[in-house]
Amino acid sequence: MIGLNHVLILSLILFILGVAGFVTRRNLLIMLMSLELMLNAANVALIGFSRFQGGLDGQVLALFVIALAAAEAAVGLAIVVAVFRLKKSVNVEDLNSLKW
């Protein structure tokens, strides 16, 4: 049987992978995907807590996090497309020249 600690270990592993991807990569798309991975790790933890408490609070909160992640992905991808049209690159180092 899968226990709460198994779910939390999975969530921790996903979150660490997301942080590592966000910190080490300089591609804006990879950074956005790493951010999504961190949000999904939080969702796994919320669903796990909700499942083992017997309530629906964590699942409702996870739905809000999913909606937030969808909005973040839409806005983030729009910004990435705009930067790519301007700079022909999605590297973070190229964004420094966009300052006023």
PDB file of N, CA and C in Angstrom:
ATOM      1  N   MET A   1       0.836  -1.182   0.000  1.00  0.00           N
ATOM      2  CA  MET A   1       0.000   0.000   0.000  1.00  0.00           C
ATOM      3  C   MET A   1       0.885   1.251   0.000  1.00  0.00           C
ATOM      4  N   ILE A   2       0.445   2.235  -0.746  1.00  0.00           N
ATOM      5  CA  ILE A   2       1.204   3.484  -0.852  1.00  0.00           C
ATOM      6  C   ILE A   2       0.827   4.387   0.317  1.00  0.00           C
ATOM      7  N   GLY A   3       1.830   4.800   1.085  1.00  0.00           N
ATOM      8  CA  GLY A   3       1.596   5.651   2.238  1.00  0.00           C
ATOM      9  C   GLY A   3       1.838   7.108   1.915  1.00  0.00           C
ATOM     10  N   LEU A   4       1.547   7.938   2.897  1.00  0.00           N
ATOM     11  CA  LEU A   4       1.724   9.377   2.713  1.00  0.00           C
ATOM     12  C   LEU A   4       3.189   9.729   2.495  1.00  0.00           C
ATOM     13  N   ASN A   5       4.085   9.033   3.178  1.00  0.00           N
ATOM     14  CA  ASN A   5       5.505   9.352   3.004  1.00  0.00           C
ATOM     15  C   ASN A   5       5.991   9.018   1.594  1.00  0.00           C
ATOM     16  N   HIS A   6       5.415   8.007   0.948  1.00  0.00           N
ATOM     17  CA  HIS A   6       5.778   7.721  -0.443  1.00  0.00           C
ATOM     18  C   HIS A   6       5.365   8.871  -1.364  1.00  0.00           C
ATOM     19  N   VAL A   7       4.168   9.378  -1.131  1.00  0.00           N
ATOM     20  CA  VAL A   7       3.661  10.494  -1.946  1.00  0.00           C
ATOM     21  C   VAL A   7       4.509  11.737  -1.732  1.00  0.00           C
ATOM     22  N   LEU A   8       4.873  12.001  -0.481  1.00  0.00           N
ATOM     23  CA  LEU A   8       5.682  13.185  -0.185  1.00  0.00           C
ATOM     24  C   LEU A   8       7.094  13.055  -0.730  1.00  0.00           C
ATOM     25  N   ILE A   9       7.650  11.845  -0.738  1.00  0.00           N
ATOM     26  CA  ILE A   9       8.976  11.638  -1.329  1.00  0.00           C
ATOM     27  C   ILE A   9       8.925  11.881  -2.831  1.00  0.00           C
ATOM     28  N   LEU A  10       7.865  11.393  -3.484  1.00  0.00           N
ATOM     29  CA  LEU A  10       7.697  11.649  -4.921  1.00  0.00           C
ATOM     30  C   LEU A  10       7.571  13.150  -5.186  1.00  0.00           C
ATOM     31  N   SER A  11       6.786  13.831  -4.359  1.00  0.00           N
ATOM     32  CA  SER A  11       6.620  15.275  -4.512  1.00  0.00           C
ATOM     33  C   SER A  11       7.941  16.005  -4.303  1.00  0.00           C
ATOM     34  N   LEU A  12       8.713  15.576  -3.320  1.00  0.00           N
ATOM     35  CA  LEU A  12      10.014  16.194  -3.060  1.00  0.00           C
ATOM     36  C   LEU A  12      10.970  15.989  -4.233  1.00  0.00           C
ATOM     37  N   ILE A  13      10.984  14.795  -4.796  1.00  0.00           N
ATOM     38  CA  ILE A  13      11.860  14.512  -5.935  1.00  0.00           C
ATOM     39  C   ILE A  13      11.477  15.380  -7.133  1.00  0.00           C
ATOM     40  N   LEU A  14      10.175  15.481  -7.401  1.00  0.00           N
ATOM     41  CA  LEU A  14       9.726  16.328  -8.512  1.00  0.00           C
ATOM     42  C   LEU A  14      10.083  17.796  -8.278  1.00  0.00           C
ATOM     43  N   PHE A  15       9.917  18.252  -7.042  1.00  0.00           N
ATOM     44  CA  PHE A  15      10.228  19.649  -6.741  1.00  0.00           C
ATOM     45  C   PHE A  15      11.723  19.919  -6.880  1.00  0.00           C
ATOM     46  N   ILE A  16      12.559  18.998  -6.407  1.00  0.00           N
ATOM     47  CA  ILE A  16      14.011  19.175  -6.529  1.00  0.00           C
ATOM     48  C   ILE A  16      14.436  19.177  -7.988  1.00  0.00           C
ATOM     49  N   LEU A  17      13.840  18.296  -8.801  1.00  0.00           N
ATOM     50  CA  LEU A  17      14.147  18.301 -10.237  1.00  0.00           C
ATOM     51  C   LEU A  17      13.736  19.624 -10.882  1.00  0.00           C
ATOM     52  N   GLY A  18      12.597  20.169 -10.472  1.00  0.00           N
ATOM     53  CA  GLY A  18      12.151  21.455 -11.002  1.00  0.00           C
ATOM     54  C   GLY A  18      13.081  22.592 -10.604  1.00  0.00           C
ATOM     55  N   VAL A  19      13.504  22.605  -9.356  1.00  0.00           N
ATOM     56  CA  VAL A  19      14.427  23.657  -8.899  1.00  0.00           C
ATOM     57  C   VAL A  19      15.760  23.535  -9.620  1.00  0.00           C
ATOM     58  N   ALA A  20      16.254  22.305  -9.756  1.00  0.00           N
ATOM     59  CA  ALA A  20      17.533  22.094 -10.443  1.00  0.00           C
ATOM     60  C   ALA A  20      17.449  22.540 -11.900  1.00  0.00           C
ATOM     61  N   GLY A  21      16.347  22.238 -12.562  1.00  0.00           N
ATOM     62  CA  GLY A  21      16.177  22.677 -13.942  1.00  0.00           C
ATOM     63  C   GLY A  21      16.055  24.177 -14.064  1.00  0.00           C
ATOM     64  N   PHE A  22      15.392  24.808 -13.111  1.00  0.00           N
ATOM     65  CA  PHE A  22      15.221  26.260 -13.155  1.00  0.00           C
ATOM     66  C   PHE A  22      16.538  26.979 -12.905  1.00  0.00           C
ATOM     67  N   VAL A  23      17.344  26.454 -12.002  1.00  0.00           N
ATOM     68  CA  VAL A  23      18.591  27.123 -11.626  1.00  0.00           C
ATOM     69  C   VAL A  23      19.690  26.896 -12.659  1.00  0.00           C
ATOM     70  N   THR A  24      19.775  25.700 -13.215  1.00  0.00           N
ATOM     71  CA  THR A  24      20.907  25.364 -14.075  1.00  0.00           C
ATOM     72  C   THR A  24      20.719  25.757 -15.535  1.00  0.00           C
ATOM     73  N   ARG A  25      19.506  25.803 -16.013  1.00  0.00           N
ATOM     74  CA  ARG A  25      19.278  26.077 -17.438  1.00  0.00           C
ATOM     75  C   ARG A  25      19.128  27.561 -17.692  1.00  0.00           C
ATOM     76  N   ARG A  26      19.506  27.998 -18.867  1.00  0.00           N
ATOM     77  CA  ARG A  26      19.381  29.400 -19.253  1.00  0.00           C
ATOM     78  C   ARG A  26      18.393  29.596 -20.393  1.00  0.00           C
ATOM     79  N   ASN A  27      17.740  28.528 -20.810  1.00  0.00           N
ATOM     80  CA  ASN A  27      16.722  28.621 -21.839  1.00  0.00           C
ATOM     81  C   ASN A  27      15.398  28.954 -21.161  1.00  0.00           C
ATOM     82  N   LEU A  28      14.712  29.969 -21.639  1.00  0.00           N
ATOM     83  CA  LEU A  28      13.491  30.432 -21.004  1.00  0.00           C
ATOM     84  C   LEU A  28      12.390  29.381 -21.043  1.00  0.00           C
ATOM     85  N   LEU A  29      12.304  28.602 -22.107  1.00  0.00           N
ATOM     86  CA  LEU A  29      11.291  27.555 -22.193  1.00  0.00           C
ATOM     87  C   LEU A  29      11.552  26.451 -21.168  1.00  0.00           C
ATOM     88  N   ILE A  30      12.798  26.064 -20.992  1.00  0.00           N
ATOM     89  CA  ILE A  30      13.138  25.039 -20.012  1.00  0.00           C
ATOM     90  C   ILE A  30      12.854  25.558 -18.603  1.00  0.00           C
ATOM     91  N   MET A  31      13.104  26.840 -18.373  1.00  0.00           N
ATOM     92  CA  MET A  31      12.815  27.423 -17.063  1.00  0.00           C
ATOM     93  C   MET A  31      11.310  27.421 -16.777  1.00  0.00           C
ATOM     94  N   LEU A  32      10.491  27.695 -17.782  1.00  0.00           N
ATOM     95  CA  LEU A  32       9.044  27.647 -17.599  1.00  0.00           C
ATOM     96  C   LEU A  32       8.570  26.219 -17.344  1.00  0.00           C
ATOM     97  N   MET A  33       9.154  25.250 -18.050  1.00  0.00           N
ATOM     98  CA  MET A  33       8.780  23.860 -17.810  1.00  0.00           C
ATOM     99  C   MET A  33       9.200  23.406 -16.420  1.00  0.00           C
ATOM    100  N   SER A  34      10.320  23.887 -15.930  1.00  0.00           N
ATOM    101  CA  SER A  34      10.758  23.552 -14.578  1.00  0.00           C
ATOM    102  C   SER A  34       9.826  24.167 -13.543  1.00  0.00           C
ATOM    103  N   LEU A  35       9.353  25.363 -13.816  1.00  0.00           N
ATOM    104  CA  LEU A  35       8.387  25.989 -12.918  1.00  0.00           C
ATOM    105  C   LEU A  35       7.088  25.190 -12.882  1.00  0.00           C
ATOM    106  N   GLU A  36       6.646  24.705 -14.026  1.00  0.00           N
ATOM    107  CA  GLU A  36       5.460  23.856 -14.081  1.00  0.00           C
ATOM    108  C   GLU A  36       5.680  22.560 -13.296  1.00  0.00           C
ATOM    109  N   LEU A  37       6.879  22.013 -13.365  1.00  0.00           N
ATOM    110  CA  LEU A  37       7.188  20.798 -12.617  1.00  0.00           C
ATOM    111  C   LEU A  37       7.114  21.051 -11.111  1.00  0.00           C
ATOM    112  N   MET A  38       7.578  22.209 -10.670  1.00  0.00           N
ATOM    113  CA  MET A  38       7.481  22.554  -9.250  1.00  0.00           C
ATOM    114  C   MET A  38       6.027  22.718  -8.815  1.00  0.00           C
ATOM    115  N   LEU A  39       5.202  23.331  -9.656  1.00  0.00           N
ATOM    116  CA  LEU A  39       3.789  23.467  -9.321  1.00  0.00           C
ATOM    117  C   LEU A  39       3.094  22.106  -9.281  1.00  0.00           C
ATOM    118  N   ASN A  40       3.467  21.213 -10.184  1.00  0.00           N
ATOM    119  CA  ASN A  40       2.884  19.871 -10.165  1.00  0.00           C
ATOM    120  C   ASN A  40       3.338  19.079  -8.951  1.00  0.00           C
ATOM    121  N   ALA A  41       4.549  19.317  -8.492  1.00  0.00           N
ATOM    122  CA  ALA A  41       5.012  18.664  -7.258  1.00  0.00           C
ATOM    123  C   ALA A  41       4.172  19.129  -6.075  1.00  0.00           C
ATOM    124  N   ALA A  42       3.845  20.405  -6.039  1.00  0.00           N
ATOM    125  CA  ALA A  42       2.966  20.912  -4.984  1.00  0.00           C
ATOM    126  C   ALA A  42       1.576  20.286  -5.096  1.00  0.00           C
ATOM    127  N   ASN A  43       1.106  20.090  -6.314  1.00  0.00           N
ATOM    128  CA  ASN A  43      -0.191  19.433  -6.510  1.00  0.00           C
ATOM    129  C   ASN A  43      -0.177  17.999  -5.999  1.00  0.00           C
ATOM    130  N   VAL A  44       0.899  17.275  -6.258  1.00  0.00           N
ATOM    131  CA  VAL A  44       1.000  15.898  -5.775  1.00  0.00           C
ATOM    132  C   VAL A  44       0.945  15.871  -4.247  1.00  0.00           C
ATOM    133  N   ALA A  45       1.642  16.791  -3.610  1.00  0.00           N
ATOM    134  CA  ALA A  45       1.614  16.856  -2.151  1.00  0.00           C
ATOM    135  C   ALA A  45       0.216  17.218  -1.640  1.00  0.00           C
ATOM    136  N   LEU A  46      -0.438  18.177  -2.283  1.00  0.00           N
ATOM    137  CA  LEU A  46      -1.792  18.554  -1.867  1.00  0.00           C
ATOM    138  C   LEU A  46      -2.771  17.402  -2.011  1.00  0.00           C
ATOM    139  N   ILE A  47      -2.704  16.699  -3.123  1.00  0.00           N
ATOM    140  CA  ILE A  47      -3.589  15.557  -3.346  1.00  0.00           C
ATOM    141  C   ILE A  47      -3.282  14.452  -2.343  1.00  0.00           C
ATOM    142  N   GLY A  48      -2.001  14.229  -2.052  1.00  0.00           N
ATOM    143  CA  GLY A  48      -1.625  13.214  -1.072  1.00  0.00           C
ATOM    144  C   GLY A  48      -2.159  13.535   0.312  1.00  0.00           C
ATOM    145  N   PHE A  49      -2.004  14.784   0.743  1.00  0.00           N
ATOM    146  CA  PHE A  49      -2.539  15.185   2.050  1.00  0.00           C
ATOM    147  C   PHE A  49      -4.058  15.051   2.077  1.00  0.00           C
ATOM    148  N   SER A  50      -4.695  15.457   0.992  1.00  0.00           N
ATOM    149  CA  SER A  50      -6.145  15.371   0.926  1.00  0.00           C
ATOM    150  C   SER A  50      -6.618  13.925   0.980  1.00  0.00           C
ATOM    151  N   ARG A  51      -5.912  13.060   0.303  1.00  0.00           N
ATOM    152  CA  ARG A  51      -6.291  11.640   0.260  1.00  0.00           C
ATOM    153  C   ARG A  51      -6.169  10.997   1.635  1.00  0.00           C
ATOM    154  N   PHE A  52      -5.102  11.311   2.349  1.00  0.00           N
ATOM    155  CA  PHE A  52      -4.878  10.661   3.625  1.00  0.00           C
ATOM    156  C   PHE A  52      -5.609  11.345   4.782  1.00  0.00           C
ATOM    157  N   GLN A  53      -6.122  12.550   4.575  1.00  0.00           N
ATOM    158  CA  GLN A  53      -6.962  13.186   5.587  1.00  0.00           C
ATOM    159  C   GLN A  53      -8.423  12.828   5.395  1.00  0.00           C
ATOM    160  N   GLY A  54      -8.780  12.459   4.194  1.00  0.00           N
ATOM    161  CA  GLY A  54     -10.161  12.091   3.919  1.00  0.00           C
ATOM    162  C   GLY A  54     -11.043  13.235   3.471  1.00  0.00           C
ATOM    163  N   GLY A  55     -10.503  14.428   3.346  1.00  0.00           N
ATOM    164  CA  GLY A  55     -11.297  15.581   2.912  1.00  0.00           C
ATOM    165  C   GLY A  55     -11.037  15.925   1.460  1.00  0.00           C
ATOM    166  N   LEU A  56     -11.711  16.960   1.019  1.00  0.00           N
ATOM    167  CA  LEU A  56     -11.558  17.413  -0.364  1.00  0.00           C
ATOM    168  C   LEU A  56     -10.848  18.754  -0.473  1.00  0.00           C
ATOM    169  N   ASP A  57     -10.376  19.300   0.631  1.00  0.00           N
ATOM    170  CA  ASP A  57      -9.769  20.630   0.615  1.00  0.00           C
ATOM    171  C   ASP A  57      -8.517  20.682  -0.249  1.00  0.00           C
ATOM    172  N   GLY A  58      -7.654  19.702  -0.128  1.00  0.00           N
ATOM    173  CA  GLY A  58      -6.416  19.671  -0.913  1.00  0.00           C
ATOM    174  C   GLY A  58      -6.678  19.513  -2.398  1.00  0.00           C
ATOM    175  N   GLN A  59      -7.710  18.757  -2.728  1.00  0.00           N
ATOM    176  CA  GLN A  59      -8.034  18.562  -4.142  1.00  0.00           C
ATOM    177  C   GLN A  59      -8.591  19.836  -4.767  1.00  0.00           C
ATOM    178  N   VAL A  60      -9.390  20.563  -4.016  1.00  0.00           N
ATOM    179  CA  VAL A  60      -9.913  21.842  -4.512  1.00  0.00           C
ATOM    180  C   VAL A  60      -8.780  22.841  -4.685  1.00  0.00           C
ATOM    181  N   LEU A  61      -7.874  22.876  -3.725  1.00  0.00           N
ATOM    182  CA  LEU A  61      -6.728  23.775  -3.830  1.00  0.00           C
ATOM    183  C   LEU A  61      -5.834  23.386  -5.000  1.00  0.00           C
ATOM    184  N   ALA A  62      -5.699  22.087  -5.254  1.00  0.00           N
ATOM    185  CA  ALA A  62      -4.907  21.629  -6.397  1.00  0.00           C
ATOM    186  C   ALA A  62      -5.537  22.075  -7.717  1.00  0.00           C
ATOM    187  N   LEU A  63      -6.855  22.114  -7.786  1.00  0.00           N
ATOM    188  CA  LEU A  63      -7.514  22.619  -8.999  1.00  0.00           C
ATOM    189  C   LEU A  63      -7.206  24.095  -9.219  1.00  0.00           C
ATOM    190  N   PHE A  64      -7.155  24.861  -8.143  1.00  0.00           N
ATOM    191  CA  PHE A  64      -6.781  26.269  -8.272  1.00  0.00           C
ATOM    192  C   PHE A  64      -5.329  26.411  -8.733  1.00  0.00           C
ATOM    193  N   VAL A  65      -4.454  25.556  -8.241  1.00  0.00           N
ATOM    194  CA  VAL A  65      -3.050  25.595  -8.662  1.00  0.00           C
ATOM    195  C   VAL A  65      -2.932  25.220 -10.135  1.00  0.00           C
ATOM    196  N   ILE A  66      -3.726  24.264 -10.578  1.00  0.00           N
ATOM    197  CA  ILE A  66      -3.714  23.890 -11.998  1.00  0.00           C
ATOM    198  C   ILE A  66      -4.184  25.054 -12.863  1.00  0.00           C
ATOM    199  N   ALA A  67      -5.222  25.764 -12.422  1.00  0.00           N
ATOM    200  CA  ALA A  67      -5.696  26.940 -13.164  1.00  0.00           C
ATOM    201  C   ALA A  67      -4.631  28.023 -13.198  1.00  0.00           C
ATOM    202  N   LEU A  68      -3.955  28.231 -12.066  1.00  0.00           N
ATOM    203  CA  LEU A  68      -2.866  29.194 -12.015  1.00  0.00           C
ATOM    204  C   LEU A  68      -1.728  28.800 -12.948  1.00  0.00           C
ATOM    205  N   ALA A  69      -1.400  27.514 -12.996  1.00  0.00           N
ATOM    206  CA  ALA A  69      -0.330  27.044 -13.869  1.00  0.00           C
ATOM    207  C   ALA A  69      -0.701  27.225 -15.337  1.00  0.00           C
ATOM    208  N   ALA A  70      -1.962  27.015 -15.675  1.00  0.00           N
ATOM    209  CA  ALA A  70      -2.395  27.212 -17.063  1.00  0.00           C
ATOM    210  C   ALA A  70      -2.294  28.680 -17.465  1.00  0.00           C
ATOM    211  N   ALA A  71      -2.696  29.573 -16.566  1.00  0.00           N
ATOM    212  CA  ALA A  71      -2.585  31.002 -16.869  1.00  0.00           C
ATOM    213  C   ALA A  71      -1.127  31.421 -16.969  1.00  0.00           C
ATOM    214  N   GLU A  72      -0.302  30.899 -16.074  1.00  0.00           N
ATOM    215  CA  GLU A  72       1.130  31.218 -16.110  1.00  0.00           C
ATOM    216  C   GLU A  72       1.771  30.711 -17.398  1.00  0.00           C
ATOM    217  N   ALA A  73       1.368  29.547 -17.845  1.00  0.00           N
ATOM    218  CA  ALA A  73       1.925  28.997 -19.080  1.00  0.00           C
ATOM    219  C   ALA A  73       1.511  29.842 -20.283  1.00  0.00           C
ATOM    220  N   ALA A  74       0.270  30.277 -20.310  1.00  0.00           N
ATOM    221  CA  ALA A  74      -0.195  31.087 -21.437  1.00  0.00           C
ATOM    222  C   ALA A  74       0.529  32.427 -21.497  1.00  0.00           C
ATOM    223  N   VAL A  75       0.629  33.101 -20.364  1.00  0.00           N
ATOM    224  CA  VAL A  75       1.307  34.402 -20.334  1.00  0.00           C
ATOM    225  C   VAL A  75       2.801  34.226 -20.579  1.00  0.00           C
ATOM    226  N   GLY A  76       3.387  33.205 -19.965  1.00  0.00           N
ATOM    227  CA  GLY A  76       4.818  32.951 -20.147  1.00  0.00           C
ATOM    228  C   GLY A  76       5.172  32.636 -21.588  1.00  0.00           C
ATOM    229  N   LEU A  77       4.365  31.811 -22.236  1.00  0.00           N
ATOM    230  CA  LEU A  77       4.649  31.486 -23.640  1.00  0.00           C
ATOM    231  C   LEU A  77       4.450  32.691 -24.550  1.00  0.00           C
ATOM    232  N   ALA A  78       3.493  33.543 -24.226  1.00  0.00           N
ATOM    233  CA  ALA A  78       3.319  34.769 -25.018  1.00  0.00           C
ATOM    234  C   ALA A  78       4.537  35.673 -24.889  1.00  0.00           C
ATOM    235  N   ILE A  79       5.078  35.774 -23.681  1.00  0.00           N
ATOM    236  CA  ILE A  79       6.293  36.577 -23.485  1.00  0.00           C
ATOM    237  C   ILE A  79       7.472  35.958 -24.213  1.00  0.00           C
ATOM    238  N   VAL A  80       7.598  34.642 -24.170  1.00  0.00           N
ATOM    239  CA  VAL A  80       8.699  33.961 -24.862  1.00  0.00           C
ATOM    240  C   VAL A  80       8.605  34.183 -26.364  1.00  0.00           C
ATOM    241  N   VAL A  81       7.406  34.106 -26.926  1.00  0.00           N
ATOM    242  CA  VAL A  81       7.238  34.332 -28.365  1.00  0.00           C
ATOM    243  C   VAL A  81       7.601  35.767 -28.722  1.00  0.00           C
ATOM    244  N   ALA A  82       7.194  36.725 -27.896  1.00  0.00           N
ATOM    245  CA  ALA A  82       7.529  38.128 -28.163  1.00  0.00           C
ATOM    246  C   ALA A  82       9.033  38.363 -28.093  1.00  0.00           C
ATOM    247  N   VAL A  83       9.691  37.760 -27.108  1.00  0.00           N
ATOM    248  CA  VAL A  83      11.144  37.907 -26.992  1.00  0.00           C
ATOM    249  C   VAL A  83      11.842  37.233 -28.162  1.00  0.00           C
ATOM    250  N   PHE A  84      11.338  36.067 -28.573  1.00  0.00           N
ATOM    251  CA  PHE A  84      11.962  35.372 -29.695  1.00  0.00           C
ATOM    252  C   PHE A  84      11.826  36.173 -30.989  1.00  0.00           C
ATOM    253  N   ARG A  85      10.693  36.811 -31.192  1.00  0.00           N
ATOM    254  CA  ARG A  85      10.520  37.636 -32.395  1.00  0.00           C
ATOM    255  C   ARG A  85      11.473  38.823 -32.395  1.00  0.00           C
ATOM    256  N   LEU A  86      11.756  39.349 -31.207  1.00  0.00           N
ATOM    257  CA  LEU A  86      12.625  40.514 -31.109  1.00  0.00           C
ATOM    258  C   LEU A  86      14.102  40.123 -31.175  1.00  0.00           C
ATOM    259  N   LYS A  87      14.493  39.082 -30.456  1.00  0.00           N
ATOM    260  CA  LYS A  87      15.907  38.742 -30.302  1.00  0.00           C
ATOM    261  C   LYS A  87      16.364  37.519 -31.088  1.00  0.00           C
ATOM    262  N   LYS A  88      15.431  36.727 -31.617  1.00  0.00           N
ATOM    263  CA  LYS A  88      15.735  35.481 -32.322  1.00  0.00           C
ATOM    264  C   LYS A  88      16.446  34.472 -31.423  1.00  0.00           C
ATOM    265  N   SER A  89      16.207  34.575 -30.109  1.00  0.00           N
ATOM    266  CA  SER A  89      16.793  33.669 -29.131  1.00  0.00           C
ATOM    267  C   SER A  89      15.916  33.687 -27.883  1.00  0.00           C
ATOM    268  N   VAL A  90      15.938  32.582 -27.127  1.00  0.00           N
ATOM    269  CA  VAL A  90      15.190  32.524 -25.877  1.00  0.00           C
ATOM    270  C   VAL A  90      16.123  32.312 -24.688  1.00  0.00           C
ATOM    271  N   ASN A  91      17.395  32.654 -24.854  1.00  0.00           N
ATOM    272  CA  ASN A  91      18.339  32.548 -23.748  1.00  0.00           C
ATOM    273  C   ASN A  91      18.170  33.723 -22.796  1.00  0.00           C
ATOM    274  N   VAL A  92      18.336  33.454 -21.510  1.00  0.00           N
ATOM    275  CA  VAL A  92      18.137  34.481 -20.492  1.00  0.00           C
ATOM    276  C   VAL A  92      19.207  35.565 -20.599  1.00  0.00           C
ATOM    277  N   GLU A  93      20.418  35.213 -21.020  1.00  0.00           N
ATOM    278  CA  GLU A  93      21.485  36.205 -21.140  1.00  0.00           C
ATOM    279  C   GLU A  93      21.153  37.274 -22.170  1.00  0.00           C
ATOM    280  N   ASP A  94      20.356  36.927 -23.166  1.00  0.00           N
ATOM    281  CA  ASP A  94      19.986  37.894 -24.196  1.00  0.00           C
ATOM    282  C   ASP A  94      18.930  38.886 -23.719  1.00  0.00           C
ATOM    283  N   LEU A  95      18.292  38.615 -22.592  1.00  0.00           N
ATOM    284  CA  LEU A  95      17.247  39.503 -22.093  1.00  0.00           C
ATOM    285  C   LEU A  95      17.805  40.735 -21.402  1.00  0.00           C
ATOM    286  N   ASN A  96      19.067  40.749 -21.040  1.00  0.00           N
ATOM    287  CA  ASN A  96      19.662  41.899 -20.372  1.00  0.00           C
ATOM    288  C   ASN A  96      19.669  43.136 -21.266  1.00  0.00           C
ATOM    289  N   SER A  97      19.727  42.935 -22.566  1.00  0.00           N
ATOM    290  CA  SER A  97      19.751  44.080 -23.480  1.00  0.00           C
ATOM    291  C   SER A  97      18.376  44.699 -23.692  1.00  0.00           C
ATOM    292  N   LEU A  98      17.336  44.127 -23.083  1.00  0.00           N
ATOM    293  CA  LEU A  98      15.983  44.689 -23.206  1.00  0.00           C
ATOM    294  C   LEU A  98      15.711  45.768 -22.181  1.00  0.00           C
ATOM    295  N   LYS A  99      16.660  46.025 -21.276  1.00  0.00           N
ATOM    296  CA  LYS A  99      16.459  47.056 -20.271  1.00  0.00           C
ATOM    297  C   LYS A  99      16.417  48.432 -20.938  1.00  0.00           C
ATOM    298  N   TRP A 100      15.721  49.372 -20.298  1.00  0.00           N
ATOM    299  CA  TRP A 100      15.573  50.706 -20.864  1.00  0.00           C
ATOM    300  C   TRP A 100      16.845  51.444 -20.776  1.00  0.00           C
TER     301      TRP A 100
END
